[in-house]
Amino acid sequence: MTENVTHQPPKPGPEHHLLDIFMGKWINEGHTIATADTPEVSILTSDVYEWMPGGFFVLHTAYGRVGNVDGGGTEIIGYDAASKQYRSYFFDSQGHISLHELTVHGDIWKWRGEQTRCTAVFTNDGKTQTAHHERLDGDGNWVPAMEVTLTKVQ
């Protein structure tokens, strides 16, 4: 007698569905924070968040300008069931790679890496994202790096 076994592919769980808030096309506007050595410059980017095949990982691409420098990057966000943590891998147009752990509490998402961190607050039914970025200074202190607002346009 043969047994008919149907294997069901894995399906994204509730942890993955929390990432739905990012999905769509966004315009990102803001500025860097001036330091004693560098002036404030404006930031204008286009950010797109979309599900990768299977619905387990988010692909985030960003293109735009910081001051007079064109650039961008690609981020992959996912949930690691083994550690029960969200992780982000960011690859920028200057050849840098950074890894961040993400936490979520309601409408607030936080990224934390070795040198940078960010707190993003979603408002306006998830159509506005206000993000405060920080970086480590030479003395090991977290200092403001940039302030941006992302507006969902689609």
N, C-alpha and C. Protein backbone atom coordinates (compact mmCIF):
# COMPACT_ATOMS: atom_id res chain seq x y z
N MET A 1 0.84 -1.16 0.00
CA MET A 1 0.00 0.00 0.00
C MET A 1 0.90 1.24 0.00
N THR A 2 0.60 2.18 -0.86
CA THR A 2 1.37 3.42 -0.91
C THR A 2 0.64 4.51 -0.16
N GLU A 3 1.42 5.36 0.38
CA GLU A 3 0.85 6.46 1.17
C GLU A 3 0.94 7.75 0.36
N ASN A 4 -0.16 8.45 0.25
CA ASN A 4 -0.19 9.74 -0.42
C ASN A 4 0.12 10.83 0.59
N VAL A 5 1.31 11.41 0.50
CA VAL A 5 1.70 12.46 1.43
C VAL A 5 1.84 13.76 0.65
N THR A 6 1.14 14.76 1.10
CA THR A 6 1.24 16.07 0.48
C THR A 6 2.03 16.97 1.40
N HIS A 7 3.10 17.51 0.87
CA HIS A 7 3.93 18.42 1.65
C HIS A 7 3.50 19.85 1.36
N GLN A 8 3.16 20.54 2.39
CA GLN A 8 2.77 21.94 2.26
C GLN A 8 4.00 22.81 2.47
N PRO A 9 4.22 23.77 1.58
CA PRO A 9 5.35 24.67 1.80
C PRO A 9 5.09 25.53 3.04
N PRO A 10 6.16 25.98 3.68
CA PRO A 10 5.96 26.84 4.85
C PRO A 10 5.25 28.13 4.45
N LYS A 11 4.53 28.69 5.38
CA LYS A 11 3.81 29.94 5.14
C LYS A 11 4.29 30.99 6.15
N PRO A 12 4.33 32.25 5.72
CA PRO A 12 4.70 33.31 6.66
C PRO A 12 3.73 33.35 7.84
N GLY A 13 4.27 33.65 9.01
CA GLY A 13 3.46 33.73 10.22
C GLY A 13 3.16 35.16 10.61
N PRO A 14 2.56 35.35 11.78
CA PRO A 14 2.20 36.69 12.24
C PRO A 14 3.40 37.63 12.39
N GLU A 15 4.57 37.06 12.71
CA GLU A 15 5.77 37.88 12.83
C GLU A 15 6.13 38.52 11.50
N HIS A 16 5.93 37.76 10.42
CA HIS A 16 6.22 38.29 9.09
C HIS A 16 5.20 39.35 8.70
N HIS A 17 3.94 39.12 9.06
CA HIS A 17 2.87 40.05 8.67
C HIS A 17 3.01 41.41 9.34
N LEU A 18 3.73 41.48 10.47
CA LEU A 18 3.98 42.79 11.08
C LEU A 18 4.78 43.70 10.14
N LEU A 19 5.53 43.10 9.24
CA LEU A 19 6.33 43.88 8.28
C LEU A 19 5.48 44.50 7.17
N ASP A 20 4.21 44.13 7.10
CA ASP A 20 3.31 44.71 6.08
C ASP A 20 3.27 46.23 6.12
N ILE A 21 3.49 46.81 7.29
CA ILE A 21 3.40 48.26 7.43
C ILE A 21 4.40 48.98 6.53
N PHE A 22 5.50 48.32 6.18
CA PHE A 22 6.51 48.95 5.34
C PHE A 22 6.17 48.92 3.85
N MET A 23 5.31 47.99 3.43
CA MET A 23 5.10 47.75 2.01
C MET A 23 4.62 48.99 1.27
N GLY A 24 5.23 49.23 0.13
CA GLY A 24 4.80 50.33 -0.74
C GLY A 24 5.95 51.20 -1.17
N LYS A 25 5.56 52.31 -1.80
CA LYS A 25 6.53 53.28 -2.31
C LYS A 25 6.45 54.52 -1.44
N TRP A 26 7.62 55.03 -1.06
CA TRP A 26 7.71 56.13 -0.12
C TRP A 26 8.62 57.22 -0.68
N ILE A 27 8.33 58.47 -0.33
CA ILE A 27 9.23 59.59 -0.56
C ILE A 27 9.81 59.95 0.81
N ASN A 28 11.13 60.04 0.87
CA ASN A 28 11.86 60.26 2.11
C ASN A 28 12.51 61.64 2.03
N GLU A 29 12.11 62.54 2.93
CA GLU A 29 12.65 63.89 2.95
C GLU A 29 13.13 64.23 4.35
N GLY A 30 14.25 64.94 4.42
CA GLY A 30 14.76 65.35 5.71
C GLY A 30 16.12 65.99 5.57
N HIS A 31 16.94 65.81 6.61
CA HIS A 31 18.26 66.44 6.62
C HIS A 31 19.18 65.71 7.59
N THR A 32 20.47 65.85 7.32
CA THR A 32 21.46 65.36 8.27
C THR A 32 21.57 66.37 9.40
N ILE A 33 22.18 65.96 10.48
CA ILE A 33 22.40 66.85 11.62
C ILE A 33 23.83 67.40 11.52
N ALA A 34 23.94 68.72 11.55
CA ALA A 34 25.26 69.36 11.46
C ALA A 34 26.13 68.99 12.65
N THR A 35 27.42 68.93 12.39
CA THR A 35 28.42 68.75 13.45
C THR A 35 29.40 69.90 13.35
N ALA A 36 30.38 69.91 14.21
CA ALA A 36 31.39 70.95 14.16
C ALA A 36 32.17 70.90 12.85
N ASP A 37 32.24 69.71 12.23
CA ASP A 37 33.03 69.53 11.01
C ASP A 37 32.21 69.52 9.73
N THR A 38 30.91 69.23 9.83
CA THR A 38 30.10 69.09 8.61
C THR A 38 28.78 69.84 8.75
N PRO A 39 28.39 70.53 7.69
CA PRO A 39 27.12 71.27 7.74
C PRO A 39 25.93 70.32 7.54
N GLU A 40 24.76 70.79 7.90
CA GLU A 40 23.52 70.08 7.61
C GLU A 40 23.33 70.05 6.09
N VAL A 41 22.88 68.91 5.58
CA VAL A 41 22.52 68.82 4.16
C VAL A 41 21.15 68.15 4.04
N SER A 42 20.48 68.45 2.95
CA SER A 42 19.14 67.89 2.75
C SER A 42 19.22 66.45 2.23
N ILE A 43 18.15 65.72 2.49
CA ILE A 43 18.02 64.32 2.06
C ILE A 43 16.73 64.20 1.27
N LEU A 44 16.80 63.58 0.11
CA LEU A 44 15.60 63.30 -0.68
C LEU A 44 15.82 61.96 -1.36
N THR A 45 15.02 60.96 -1.00
CA THR A 45 15.14 59.64 -1.60
C THR A 45 13.77 59.07 -1.94
N SER A 46 13.81 58.08 -2.78
CA SER A 46 12.65 57.27 -3.10
C SER A 46 12.92 55.88 -2.53
N ASP A 47 12.03 55.40 -1.68
CA ASP A 47 12.20 54.10 -1.03
C ASP A 47 11.06 53.18 -1.44
N VAL A 48 11.40 51.95 -1.80
CA VAL A 48 10.40 50.96 -2.17
C VAL A 48 10.59 49.73 -1.29
N TYR A 49 9.52 49.31 -0.64
CA TYR A 49 9.52 48.10 0.19
C TYR A 49 8.56 47.11 -0.47
N GLU A 50 9.05 45.90 -0.71
CA GLU A 50 8.21 44.87 -1.32
C GLU A 50 8.59 43.50 -0.78
N TRP A 51 7.61 42.59 -0.80
CA TRP A 51 7.87 41.23 -0.36
C TRP A 51 8.71 40.50 -1.39
N MET A 52 9.69 39.75 -0.91
CA MET A 52 10.45 38.86 -1.77
C MET A 52 9.60 37.59 -1.98
N PRO A 53 9.91 36.79 -3.00
CA PRO A 53 9.13 35.58 -3.24
C PRO A 53 9.01 34.73 -1.98
N GLY A 54 7.80 34.27 -1.72
CA GLY A 54 7.51 33.45 -0.55
C GLY A 54 6.93 34.24 0.61
N GLY A 55 7.17 35.56 0.66
CA GLY A 55 6.59 36.40 1.69
C GLY A 55 7.28 36.34 3.05
N PHE A 56 8.54 35.86 3.08
CA PHE A 56 9.26 35.78 4.34
C PHE A 56 10.21 36.96 4.56
N PHE A 57 10.67 37.57 3.46
CA PHE A 57 11.66 38.63 3.55
C PHE A 57 11.19 39.85 2.78
N VAL A 58 11.62 41.03 3.27
CA VAL A 58 11.29 42.30 2.65
C VAL A 58 12.51 42.81 1.90
N LEU A 59 12.29 43.24 0.67
CA LEU A 59 13.33 43.88 -0.12
C LEU A 59 13.05 45.37 -0.11
N HIS A 60 14.02 46.15 0.37
CA HIS A 60 13.89 47.61 0.45
C HIS A 60 15.00 48.21 -0.40
N THR A 61 14.62 48.96 -1.43
CA THR A 61 15.59 49.67 -2.24
C THR A 61 15.38 51.16 -2.06
N ALA A 62 16.49 51.90 -2.03
CA ALA A 62 16.43 53.35 -1.84
C ALA A 62 17.38 54.01 -2.83
N TYR A 63 16.91 55.08 -3.46
CA TYR A 63 17.71 55.85 -4.39
C TYR A 63 17.46 57.31 -4.11
N GLY A 64 18.50 58.12 -4.19
CA GLY A 64 18.27 59.53 -3.99
C GLY A 64 19.54 60.31 -3.81
N ARG A 65 19.39 61.37 -3.03
CA ARG A 65 20.48 62.32 -2.87
C ARG A 65 20.58 62.76 -1.42
N VAL A 66 21.80 62.79 -0.91
CA VAL A 66 22.11 63.35 0.40
C VAL A 66 23.07 64.51 0.11
N GLY A 67 22.57 65.73 0.30
CA GLY A 67 23.35 66.89 -0.10
C GLY A 67 23.48 66.87 -1.62
N ASN A 68 24.71 66.89 -2.12
CA ASN A 68 24.91 66.83 -3.57
C ASN A 68 25.47 65.48 -4.01
N VAL A 69 25.32 64.47 -3.16
CA VAL A 69 25.83 63.13 -3.45
C VAL A 69 24.68 62.19 -3.78
N ASP A 70 24.73 61.61 -4.99
CA ASP A 70 23.75 60.60 -5.38
C ASP A 70 24.13 59.27 -4.76
N GLY A 71 23.13 58.48 -4.41
CA GLY A 71 23.44 57.17 -3.83
C GLY A 71 22.18 56.39 -3.56
N GLY A 72 22.38 55.34 -2.82
CA GLY A 72 21.25 54.49 -2.48
C GLY A 72 21.73 53.24 -1.79
N GLY A 73 20.85 52.26 -1.78
CA GLY A 73 21.21 51.00 -1.16
C GLY A 73 20.08 50.00 -1.23
N THR A 74 20.40 48.82 -0.76
CA THR A 74 19.44 47.73 -0.72
C THR A 74 19.47 47.12 0.68
N GLU A 75 18.28 46.95 1.24
CA GLU A 75 18.14 46.36 2.57
C GLU A 75 17.26 45.13 2.45
N ILE A 76 17.62 44.10 3.18
CA ILE A 76 16.77 42.91 3.29
C ILE A 76 16.42 42.76 4.76
N ILE A 77 15.12 42.70 5.04
CA ILE A 77 14.61 42.58 6.41
C ILE A 77 13.90 41.24 6.53
N GLY A 78 14.14 40.54 7.63
CA GLY A 78 13.46 39.28 7.84
C GLY A 78 13.35 38.95 9.32
N TYR A 79 12.56 37.94 9.59
CA TYR A 79 12.37 37.46 10.96
C TYR A 79 13.11 36.15 11.10
N ASP A 80 13.98 36.06 12.11
CA ASP A 80 14.73 34.85 12.40
C ASP A 80 14.00 34.10 13.51
N ALA A 81 13.30 33.03 13.14
CA ALA A 81 12.49 32.29 14.10
C ALA A 81 13.35 31.66 15.20
N ALA A 82 14.58 31.25 14.87
CA ALA A 82 15.43 30.61 15.86
C ALA A 82 15.77 31.56 17.02
N SER A 83 16.08 32.82 16.69
CA SER A 83 16.44 33.78 17.75
C SER A 83 15.25 34.65 18.15
N LYS A 84 14.14 34.52 17.42
CA LYS A 84 12.94 35.33 17.64
C LYS A 84 13.25 36.82 17.52
N GLN A 85 14.06 37.17 16.51
CA GLN A 85 14.44 38.56 16.28
C GLN A 85 14.30 38.91 14.80
N TYR A 86 14.00 40.18 14.59
CA TYR A 86 14.05 40.72 13.23
C TYR A 86 15.48 41.15 12.96
N ARG A 87 15.91 40.95 11.72
CA ARG A 87 17.26 41.36 11.32
C ARG A 87 17.18 42.10 10.00
N SER A 88 18.12 43.02 9.84
CA SER A 88 18.22 43.81 8.63
C SER A 88 19.66 43.80 8.15
N TYR A 89 19.83 43.57 6.85
CA TYR A 89 21.14 43.64 6.22
C TYR A 89 21.06 44.74 5.18
N PHE A 90 21.93 45.75 5.31
CA PHE A 90 21.90 46.90 4.40
C PHE A 90 23.20 46.98 3.63
N PHE A 91 23.08 47.14 2.31
CA PHE A 91 24.22 47.23 1.40
C PHE A 91 24.10 48.57 0.70
N ASP A 92 25.07 49.49 0.96
CA ASP A 92 24.91 50.82 0.38
C ASP A 92 25.76 51.00 -0.88
N SER A 93 25.52 52.12 -1.56
CA SER A 93 26.18 52.38 -2.83
C SER A 93 27.64 52.81 -2.68
N GLN A 94 28.13 52.88 -1.46
CA GLN A 94 29.54 53.20 -1.22
C GLN A 94 30.33 51.96 -0.79
N GLY A 95 29.69 50.80 -0.88
CA GLY A 95 30.38 49.55 -0.58
C GLY A 95 30.31 49.09 0.86
N HIS A 96 29.50 49.75 1.69
CA HIS A 96 29.38 49.36 3.10
C HIS A 96 28.25 48.34 3.29
N ILE A 97 28.44 47.49 4.27
CA ILE A 97 27.42 46.52 4.68
C ILE A 97 27.19 46.72 6.17
N SER A 98 25.92 46.77 6.57
CA SER A 98 25.64 46.87 8.00
C SER A 98 24.53 45.89 8.38
N LEU A 99 24.61 45.42 9.59
CA LEU A 99 23.63 44.48 10.14
C LEU A 99 22.96 45.17 11.32
N HIS A 100 21.63 45.09 11.36
CA HIS A 100 20.86 45.68 12.46
C HIS A 100 19.88 44.65 13.00
N GLU A 101 19.62 44.73 14.30
CA GLU A 101 18.52 43.99 14.91
C GLU A 101 17.37 44.96 15.05
N LEU A 102 16.17 44.49 14.78
CA LEU A 102 14.98 45.34 14.85
C LEU A 102 14.07 44.86 15.96
N THR A 103 13.42 45.82 16.59
CA THR A 103 12.37 45.51 17.56
C THR A 103 11.14 46.32 17.19
N VAL A 104 9.99 45.82 17.58
CA VAL A 104 8.74 46.52 17.29
C VAL A 104 7.90 46.56 18.56
N HIS A 105 7.32 47.74 18.82
CA HIS A 105 6.38 47.94 19.92
C HIS A 105 5.27 48.83 19.37
N GLY A 106 4.16 48.20 19.00
CA GLY A 106 3.06 48.96 18.42
C GLY A 106 3.46 49.58 17.09
N ASP A 107 3.39 50.91 17.00
CA ASP A 107 3.72 51.62 15.77
C ASP A 107 5.16 52.11 15.75
N ILE A 108 5.99 51.61 16.67
CA ILE A 108 7.38 52.06 16.75
C ILE A 108 8.31 50.90 16.41
N TRP A 109 9.16 51.12 15.40
CA TRP A 109 10.17 50.15 15.00
C TRP A 109 11.54 50.75 15.33
N LYS A 110 12.45 49.91 15.87
CA LYS A 110 13.80 50.37 16.19
C LYS A 110 14.82 49.45 15.54
N TRP A 111 15.81 50.06 14.89
CA TRP A 111 16.95 49.36 14.33
C TRP A 111 18.14 49.66 15.23
N ARG A 112 18.98 48.64 15.48
CA ARG A 112 20.20 48.89 16.24
C ARG A 112 21.33 48.06 15.64
N GLY A 113 22.37 48.77 15.24
CA GLY A 113 23.57 48.14 14.71
C GLY A 113 24.77 48.52 15.55
N GLU A 114 25.95 48.14 15.11
CA GLU A 114 27.17 48.44 15.87
C GLU A 114 27.46 49.94 15.90
N GLN A 115 27.21 50.64 14.78
CA GLN A 115 27.57 52.05 14.67
C GLN A 115 26.38 52.99 14.50
N THR A 116 25.22 52.44 14.16
CA THR A 116 24.04 53.27 13.90
C THR A 116 22.80 52.66 14.53
N ARG A 117 21.83 53.53 14.76
CA ARG A 117 20.52 53.06 15.23
C ARG A 117 19.47 54.06 14.74
N CYS A 118 18.23 53.60 14.74
CA CYS A 118 17.13 54.41 14.22
C CYS A 118 15.85 54.05 14.96
N THR A 119 15.03 55.06 15.22
CA THR A 119 13.69 54.85 15.75
C THR A 119 12.72 55.44 14.75
N ALA A 120 11.81 54.62 14.24
CA ALA A 120 10.81 55.07 13.27
C ALA A 120 9.43 54.92 13.90
N VAL A 121 8.65 55.99 13.82
CA VAL A 121 7.29 56.00 14.36
C VAL A 121 6.32 56.13 13.19
N PHE A 122 5.38 55.19 13.10
CA PHE A 122 4.36 55.21 12.06
C PHE A 122 3.12 55.92 12.56
N THR A 123 2.61 56.87 11.77
CA THR A 123 1.39 57.61 12.08
C THR A 123 0.55 57.70 10.82
N ASN A 124 -0.59 58.40 10.92
CA ASN A 124 -1.45 58.63 9.76
C ASN A 124 -1.87 57.30 9.12
N ASP A 125 -2.33 56.36 9.96
CA ASP A 125 -2.74 55.03 9.49
C ASP A 125 -1.64 54.31 8.72
N GLY A 126 -0.38 54.49 9.16
CA GLY A 126 0.74 53.82 8.53
C GLY A 126 1.25 54.48 7.27
N LYS A 127 0.76 55.67 6.96
CA LYS A 127 1.17 56.35 5.73
C LYS A 127 2.31 57.33 5.93
N THR A 128 2.69 57.55 7.18
CA THR A 128 3.81 58.45 7.50
C THR A 128 4.73 57.73 8.47
N GLN A 129 6.02 57.86 8.19
CA GLN A 129 7.06 57.24 9.01
C GLN A 129 8.05 58.36 9.37
N THR A 130 8.16 58.68 10.64
CA THR A 130 9.11 59.69 11.08
C THR A 130 10.28 58.97 11.72
N ALA A 131 11.49 59.19 11.17
CA ALA A 131 12.65 58.42 11.61
C ALA A 131 13.75 59.32 12.15
N HIS A 132 14.23 58.96 13.34
CA HIS A 132 15.33 59.65 14.00
C HIS A 132 16.52 58.70 13.98
N HIS A 133 17.58 59.09 13.24
CA HIS A 133 18.78 58.26 13.11
C HIS A 133 19.88 58.80 14.01
N GLU A 134 20.63 57.87 14.60
CA GLU A 134 21.77 58.23 15.43
C GLU A 134 22.99 57.42 15.00
N ARG A 135 24.16 57.93 15.36
CA ARG A 135 25.41 57.24 15.08
C ARG A 135 26.31 57.37 16.30
N LEU A 136 27.27 56.47 16.40
CA LEU A 136 28.25 56.56 17.47
C LEU A 136 29.31 57.59 17.08
N ASP A 137 29.64 58.48 18.01
CA ASP A 137 30.72 59.43 17.74
C ASP A 137 32.05 58.80 18.15
N GLY A 138 33.13 59.54 18.00
CA GLY A 138 34.46 59.02 18.31
C GLY A 138 34.67 58.68 19.77
N ASP A 139 33.79 59.20 20.64
CA ASP A 139 33.92 58.92 22.08
C ASP A 139 32.98 57.81 22.56
N GLY A 140 32.28 57.17 21.62
CA GLY A 140 31.37 56.10 22.00
C GLY A 140 30.00 56.55 22.45
N ASN A 141 29.64 57.81 22.14
CA ASN A 141 28.32 58.34 22.51
C ASN A 141 27.40 58.33 21.30
N TRP A 142 26.12 58.04 21.55
CA TRP A 142 25.13 58.12 20.48
C TRP A 142 24.77 59.58 20.27
N VAL A 143 24.89 60.04 19.01
CA VAL A 143 24.57 61.43 18.67
C VAL A 143 23.62 61.43 17.47
N PRO A 144 22.77 62.46 17.36
CA PRO A 144 21.85 62.54 16.22
C PRO A 144 22.62 62.56 14.90
N ALA A 145 22.10 61.84 13.91
CA ALA A 145 22.74 61.78 12.58
C ALA A 145 21.85 62.38 11.50
N MET A 146 20.57 62.05 11.53
CA MET A 146 19.64 62.62 10.56
C MET A 146 18.21 62.48 11.04
N GLU A 147 17.36 63.35 10.52
CA GLU A 147 15.93 63.34 10.79
C GLU A 147 15.23 63.29 9.44
N VAL A 148 14.38 62.29 9.24
CA VAL A 148 13.68 62.16 7.97
C VAL A 148 12.21 61.78 8.20
N THR A 149 11.41 62.13 7.23
CA THR A 149 10.00 61.74 7.21
C THR A 149 9.74 61.05 5.90
N LEU A 150 9.21 59.84 5.98
CA LEU A 150 8.82 59.09 4.80
C LEU A 150 7.32 59.16 4.66
N THR A 151 6.87 59.48 3.45
CA THR A 151 5.44 59.57 3.15
C THR A 151 5.11 58.53 2.11
N LYS A 152 4.15 57.66 2.42
CA LYS A 152 3.75 56.61 1.48
C LYS A 152 2.98 57.24 0.33
N VAL A 153 3.44 56.99 -0.89
CA VAL A 153 2.78 57.56 -2.06
C VAL A 153 2.04 56.51 -2.87
N GLN A 154 2.27 55.24 -2.56
CA GLN A 154 1.55 54.17 -3.26
C GLN A 154 1.66 52.87 -2.49
